[in-house]
Amino acid sequence: MSVYCEICGKKSIKAAKISFSHKQHVHRQLPNLQSVRVKLPNGSVVKKRVCTSCIKAGKFTKA
């Protein structure tokens, strides 16, 4: 299962944890995805993984 928003395409990014001695440990920061039932324009209902910023902005219609 891939980690990206099916509405806006937001996906994980690389980030570095930096210790006091400035050693870097690279890790991934994942988007906050939720499973939501989305109503498509043709009337059918589909489950999609959507980021919370799209949910808050109302970029789709909930079923």
C-alpha atoms as a PDB file:
ATOM      1  CA  MET A   1       0.000   0.000   0.000  1.00  0.00           C
ATOM      2  CA  SER A   2       1.642   3.241  -1.087  1.00  0.00           C
ATOM      3  CA  VAL A   3       1.700   6.287   1.159  1.00  0.00           C
ATOM      4  CA  TYR A   4       0.259   9.240  -0.760  1.00  0.00           C
ATOM      5  CA  CYS A   5      -2.943  11.293  -0.858  1.00  0.00           C
ATOM      6  CA  GLU A   6      -5.213  10.206  -3.711  1.00  0.00           C
ATOM      7  CA  ILE A   7      -6.688  13.732  -4.044  1.00  0.00           C
ATOM      8  CA  CYS A   8      -3.699  16.110  -4.018  1.00  0.00           C
ATOM      9  CA  GLY A   9      -0.772  13.690  -4.405  1.00  0.00           C
ATOM     10  CA  LYS A  10       0.986  14.606  -1.161  1.00  0.00           C
ATOM     11  CA  LYS A  11       3.596  11.956  -0.292  1.00  0.00           C
ATOM     12  CA  SER A  12       6.382  11.257   2.183  1.00  0.00           C
ATOM     13  CA  ILE A  13       9.497  13.448   2.372  1.00  0.00           C
ATOM     14  CA  LYS A  14      13.052  12.871   3.555  1.00  0.00           C
ATOM     15  CA  ALA A  15      14.181  14.610   6.721  1.00  0.00           C
ATOM     16  CA  ALA A  16      17.294  14.432   8.887  1.00  0.00           C
ATOM     17  CA  LYS A  17      17.485  14.077  12.642  1.00  0.00           C
ATOM     18  CA  ILE A  18      20.591  15.946  13.773  1.00  0.00           C
ATOM     19  CA  SER A  19      22.221  15.001  17.061  1.00  0.00           C
ATOM     20  CA  PHE A  20      24.272  17.274  19.306  1.00  0.00           C
ATOM     21  CA  SER A  21      27.451  16.084  17.560  1.00  0.00           C
ATOM     22  CA  HIS A  22      25.816  16.862  14.175  1.00  0.00           C
ATOM     23  CA  LYS A  23      25.550  13.249  13.043  1.00  0.00           C
ATOM     24  CA  GLN A  24      22.589  12.980  10.696  1.00  0.00           C
ATOM     25  CA  HIS A  25      20.084  10.157  10.613  1.00  0.00           C
ATOM     26  CA  VAL A  26      17.821  10.326   7.536  1.00  0.00           C
ATOM     27  CA  HIS A  27      14.232   9.174   7.993  1.00  0.00           C
ATOM     28  CA  ARG A  28      10.860   9.618   6.266  1.00  0.00           C
ATOM     29  CA  GLN A  29       8.092  11.953   7.397  1.00  0.00           C
ATOM     30  CA  LEU A  30       4.719  10.527   6.370  1.00  0.00           C
ATOM     31  CA  PRO A  31       1.580  12.567   5.588  1.00  0.00           C
ATOM     32  CA  ASN A  32      -1.421  12.244   7.895  1.00  0.00           C
ATOM     33  CA  LEU A  33      -3.682   9.990   5.797  1.00  0.00           C
ATOM     34  CA  GLN A  34      -7.179   8.845   6.692  1.00  0.00           C
ATOM     35  CA  SER A  35      -9.478   6.365   4.933  1.00  0.00           C
ATOM     36  CA  VAL A  36     -12.587   8.225   3.771  1.00  0.00           C
ATOM     37  CA  ARG A  37     -15.600   7.194   1.722  1.00  0.00           C
ATOM     38  CA  VAL A  38     -15.699   9.572  -1.263  1.00  0.00           C
ATOM     39  CA  LYS A  39     -18.688  10.157  -3.540  1.00  0.00           C
ATOM     40  CA  LEU A  40     -17.608  10.371  -7.202  1.00  0.00           C
ATOM     41  CA  PRO A  41     -19.361  12.611  -9.780  1.00  0.00           C
ATOM     42  CA  ASN A  42     -21.053   9.589 -11.417  1.00  0.00           C
ATOM     43  CA  GLY A  43     -22.739   8.711  -8.089  1.00  0.00           C
ATOM     44  CA  SER A  44     -20.632   5.741  -6.995  1.00  0.00           C
ATOM     45  CA  VAL A  45     -18.954   5.564  -3.591  1.00  0.00           C
ATOM     46  CA  VAL A  46     -15.266   4.619  -3.228  1.00  0.00           C
ATOM     47  CA  LYS A  47     -12.898   4.386  -0.263  1.00  0.00           C
ATOM     48  CA  LYS A  48      -9.798   6.556  -0.697  1.00  0.00           C
ATOM     49  CA  ARG A  49      -6.785   7.487   1.424  1.00  0.00           C
ATOM     50  CA  VAL A  50      -6.917  11.265   1.835  1.00  0.00           C
ATOM     51  CA  CYS A  51      -4.675  13.668   3.773  1.00  0.00           C
ATOM     52  CA  THR A  52      -6.239  15.697   6.557  1.00  0.00           C
ATOM     53  CA  SER A  53      -5.520  19.004   4.803  1.00  0.00           C
ATOM     54  CA  CYS A  54      -7.751  17.907   1.886  1.00  0.00           C
ATOM     55  CA  ILE A  55     -10.459  16.831   4.340  1.00  0.00           C
ATOM     56  CA  LYS A  56     -10.316  20.218   6.096  1.00  0.00           C
ATOM     57  CA  ALA A  57     -10.331  22.137   2.792  1.00  0.00           C
ATOM     58  CA  GLY A  58     -13.351  20.170   1.504  1.00  0.00           C
ATOM     59  CA  LYS A  59     -11.744  19.148  -1.803  1.00  0.00           C
ATOM     60  CA  PHE A  60     -14.208  16.254  -2.231  1.00  0.00           C
ATOM     61  CA  THR A  61     -17.732  15.257  -1.212  1.00  0.00           C
ATOM     62  CA  LYS A  62     -18.149  12.728   1.572  1.00  0.00           C
ATOM     63  CA  ALA A  63     -20.520   9.830   1.096  1.00  0.00           C
END
